[in-house]
Amino acid sequence: MKKIKAPFTEAEALNLAAGDRVLLSGVIYTARDAAHKILVEMLARGEELPFPLKDQVIYYVGPTPAPPGRAVGAAGPTTSGRMDKYTPALLAAGMRAMIGKGSRSEEVVEAIKKYRGVYFAAVGGAAALLSRQIKKMELVAFPELGPEAVYRMTVEDFPLFVINDCYGRDFYREGVKKYKCLSPFAKQL
């Protein structure tokens, strides 16, 4: 298990490999597809973004309201593929990592390699448990988007898996290949 702090640099990204288990602490930002669209449009117009993108981690989540005594309600990952058409532009602008669930397109995997990024997966279906690792949450931009607004989250030991590393490795694909080699049903896969 590797412990890392967010934001983190290219040098730190180079030390992560597909399949690594990670505990992430520090500041991350939330954004889903509606916010991604606005951010990419702002970049295209040469406008300043509402938060610094360099070396930042974006979590694909739409958090629910906080119950008493908590920073946030349920906060599980959403499907990352919905952000794929925006991700290369954000990586080019300095974003270092993303957190979500599910596979990424080839275009995103290539952009991760090119810009030395990392794609992490958080465990889907564990939204209530993940929220316990979120210590603070504050609105940053686009309040009109409701739960899809951009928030700044402070996380502590947020559990993740490296899915795509900056070398082009893909933990999901490697797992399928390994399973095919071990399975008596490999010809059916």
Protein backbone atom coordinates (compact mmCIF):
# COMPACT_ATOMS: atom_id res chain seq x y z
CA MET A 1 0.00 0.00 0.00
CA LYS A 2 1.42 3.37 -1.03
CA LYS A 3 0.56 6.60 0.75
CA ILE A 4 0.52 9.71 -1.43
CA LYS A 5 -0.47 13.35 -1.02
CA ALA A 6 -2.60 15.41 -3.40
CA PRO A 7 -1.82 17.40 -5.37
CA PHE A 8 1.16 15.45 -6.66
CA THR A 9 3.81 15.94 -9.31
CA GLU A 10 4.88 14.16 -12.48
CA ALA A 11 7.81 12.65 -10.58
CA GLU A 12 5.39 11.12 -8.09
CA ALA A 13 3.14 9.85 -10.90
CA LEU A 14 6.14 8.06 -12.39
CA ASN A 15 6.38 6.01 -9.17
CA LEU A 16 2.87 4.59 -9.51
CA ALA A 17 2.10 1.41 -11.42
CA ALA A 18 -1.12 -0.18 -12.61
CA GLY A 19 -2.37 -2.41 -9.81
CA ASP A 20 -0.87 -0.38 -6.96
CA ARG A 21 -3.10 0.12 -3.94
CA VAL A 22 -2.98 3.69 -2.74
CA LEU A 23 -4.14 5.74 0.23
CA LEU A 24 -4.55 9.33 -0.93
CA SER A 25 -4.55 12.30 1.45
CA GLY A 26 -4.78 16.01 0.72
CA VAL A 27 -6.92 18.25 -1.46
CA ILE A 28 -8.82 16.96 -4.49
CA TYR A 29 -11.56 18.51 -6.63
CA THR A 30 -14.85 17.06 -7.77
CA ALA A 31 -16.26 17.36 -11.28
CA ARG A 32 -18.60 15.35 -13.45
CA ASP A 33 -19.57 15.68 -17.11
CA ALA A 34 -21.50 18.99 -16.83
CA ALA A 35 -18.61 20.67 -15.01
CA HIS A 36 -16.07 19.10 -17.38
CA LYS A 37 -17.89 20.61 -20.35
CA ILE A 38 -17.75 24.09 -18.79
CA LEU A 39 -14.09 23.73 -17.80
CA VAL A 40 -13.04 22.64 -21.30
CA GLU A 41 -15.04 25.50 -22.84
CA MET A 42 -13.29 27.93 -20.48
CA LEU A 43 -9.89 26.55 -21.51
CA ALA A 44 -10.81 26.90 -25.20
CA ARG A 45 -11.69 30.58 -24.62
CA GLY A 46 -8.43 31.16 -22.71
CA GLU A 47 -10.25 31.90 -19.46
CA GLU A 48 -8.85 31.25 -16.01
CA LEU A 49 -10.36 28.19 -14.33
CA PRO A 50 -12.00 28.52 -10.89
CA PHE A 51 -9.28 26.36 -9.31
CA PRO A 52 -5.64 25.61 -10.14
CA LEU A 53 -5.50 22.59 -12.42
CA LYS A 54 -1.74 21.94 -12.33
CA ASP A 55 -0.95 18.62 -10.63
CA GLN A 56 -4.51 18.33 -9.28
CA VAL A 57 -6.69 15.26 -8.82
CA ILE A 58 -10.31 15.35 -10.02
CA TYR A 59 -12.81 12.94 -8.47
CA TYR A 60 -15.79 12.00 -10.64
CA VAL A 61 -18.47 12.22 -7.97
CA GLY A 62 -21.78 13.89 -7.23
CA PRO A 63 -21.75 13.95 -3.42
CA THR A 64 -24.97 13.87 -1.44
CA PRO A 65 -25.76 16.37 1.34
CA ALA A 66 -23.92 15.89 4.60
CA PRO A 67 -25.71 14.36 7.58
CA PRO A 68 -25.10 16.06 10.94
CA GLY A 69 -21.50 15.84 12.06
CA ARG A 70 -20.10 14.81 8.66
CA ALA A 71 -18.40 16.70 5.82
CA VAL A 72 -20.43 14.94 3.14
CA GLY A 73 -23.06 12.27 2.61
CA ALA A 74 -22.51 9.39 0.20
CA ALA A 75 -19.64 10.09 -2.20
CA GLY A 76 -19.00 7.15 -4.49
CA PRO A 77 -17.36 7.27 -7.91
CA THR A 78 -19.32 7.73 -11.10
CA THR A 79 -18.60 6.10 -14.45
CA SER A 80 -15.48 7.68 -15.89
CA GLY A 81 -16.29 7.10 -19.55
CA ARG A 82 -18.68 10.06 -19.51
CA MET A 83 -15.68 12.34 -19.00
CA ASP A 84 -13.51 10.77 -21.72
CA LYS A 85 -14.20 13.40 -24.40
CA TYR A 86 -13.02 16.15 -22.02
CA THR A 87 -10.14 14.40 -20.26
CA PRO A 88 -7.33 14.87 -22.81
CA ALA A 89 -7.83 18.67 -22.76
CA LEU A 90 -7.71 18.75 -18.95
CA LEU A 91 -4.60 16.57 -18.85
CA ALA A 92 -2.96 18.87 -21.42
CA ALA A 93 -3.82 21.83 -19.15
CA GLY A 94 -2.01 20.23 -16.19
CA MET A 95 -4.43 17.90 -14.41
CA ARG A 96 -2.37 15.04 -12.95
CA ALA A 97 -4.95 12.39 -11.97
CA MET A 98 -8.56 11.32 -12.01
CA ILE A 99 -10.65 9.11 -9.73
CA GLY A 100 -13.68 7.22 -10.98
CA LYS A 101 -14.85 3.76 -11.91
CA GLY A 102 -14.76 1.76 -15.12
CA SER A 103 -12.43 1.67 -18.10
CA ARG A 104 -11.09 4.61 -20.10
CA SER A 105 -10.98 5.08 -23.87
CA GLU A 106 -7.79 4.58 -25.86
CA GLU A 107 -7.64 8.34 -26.39
CA VAL A 108 -7.60 8.92 -22.64
CA VAL A 109 -5.03 6.18 -22.04
CA GLU A 110 -2.76 7.81 -24.64
CA ALA A 111 -3.26 11.24 -23.03
CA ILE A 112 -2.41 9.77 -19.61
CA LYS A 113 0.87 8.50 -21.08
CA LYS A 114 1.63 11.73 -22.94
CA TYR A 115 0.99 14.05 -19.99
CA ARG A 116 2.27 11.68 -17.27
CA GLY A 117 -1.05 11.26 -15.51
CA VAL A 118 -2.74 8.55 -13.48
CA TYR A 119 -6.24 7.13 -13.46
CA PHE A 120 -7.38 5.75 -10.11
CA ALA A 121 -10.47 3.68 -9.37
CA ALA A 122 -12.42 3.96 -6.16
CA VAL A 123 -14.61 1.02 -5.21
CA GLY A 124 -18.11 1.44 -6.60
CA GLY A 125 -20.95 0.62 -4.21
CA ALA A 126 -19.01 1.84 -1.19
CA ALA A 127 -20.15 5.48 -1.25
CA ALA A 128 -21.03 5.66 2.46
CA LEU A 129 -17.72 4.11 3.48
CA LEU A 130 -15.68 6.32 1.14
CA SER A 131 -17.36 9.43 2.53
CA ARG A 132 -15.81 8.72 5.93
CA GLN A 133 -12.41 9.53 4.43
CA ILE A 134 -13.60 12.99 3.33
CA LYS A 135 -12.83 15.41 6.13
CA LYS A 136 -13.88 18.71 4.54
CA MET A 137 -15.87 19.81 1.50
CA GLU A 138 -16.44 23.32 0.17
CA LEU A 139 -18.09 24.68 -2.97
CA VAL A 140 -15.66 26.09 -5.55
CA ALA A 141 -17.68 26.73 -8.73
CA PHE A 142 -20.88 26.21 -10.70
CA PRO A 143 -23.42 25.99 -7.84
CA GLU A 144 -26.19 25.88 -10.46
CA LEU A 145 -25.08 22.30 -11.20
CA GLY A 146 -26.19 21.11 -7.75
CA PRO A 147 -24.33 17.94 -6.75
CA GLU A 148 -22.37 18.18 -10.02
CA ALA A 149 -20.83 21.50 -8.98
CA VAL A 150 -17.09 21.66 -8.40
CA TYR A 151 -16.14 21.10 -4.77
CA ARG A 152 -12.78 21.10 -3.00
CA MET A 153 -12.47 18.03 -0.78
CA THR A 154 -9.90 17.31 1.85
CA VAL A 155 -9.40 13.55 2.06
CA GLU A 156 -7.46 11.35 4.43
CA ASP A 157 -6.29 7.85 3.49
CA PHE A 158 -8.80 7.67 0.63
CA PRO A 159 -8.46 4.08 -0.71
CA LEU A 160 -7.77 3.73 -4.45
CA PHE A 161 -6.32 1.41 -7.08
CA VAL A 162 -4.09 2.60 -9.92
CA ILE A 163 -5.86 1.48 -13.10
CA ASN A 164 -3.94 3.36 -15.81
CA ASP A 165 -0.39 4.46 -15.12
CA CYS A 166 1.74 6.89 -17.12
CA TYR A 167 3.50 3.99 -18.86
CA GLY A 168 0.34 2.86 -20.65
CA ARG A 169 -0.39 -0.13 -18.43
CA ASP A 170 -4.02 -0.95 -17.69
CA PHE A 171 -4.85 -2.94 -14.55
CA TYR A 172 -8.23 -4.05 -15.91
CA ARG A 173 -6.72 -5.44 -19.12
CA GLU A 174 -3.87 -7.09 -17.23
CA GLY A 175 -6.40 -8.77 -14.95
CA VAL A 176 -8.39 -10.16 -17.88
CA LYS A 177 -5.20 -11.50 -19.50
CA LYS A 178 -4.14 -13.15 -16.25
CA TYR A 179 -7.59 -14.68 -15.77
CA LYS A 180 -7.61 -16.04 -19.33
CA CYS A 181 -4.29 -17.78 -18.69
CA LEU A 182 -5.58 -19.39 -15.50
CA SER A 183 -9.15 -20.22 -16.47
CA PRO A 184 -10.26 -23.57 -17.85
CA PHE A 185 -12.92 -21.54 -19.66
CA ALA A 186 -10.38 -19.25 -21.39
CA LYS A 187 -11.52 -20.18 -24.91
CA GLN A 188 -15.01 -18.92 -24.04
CA LEU A 189 -13.72 -15.45 -23.02
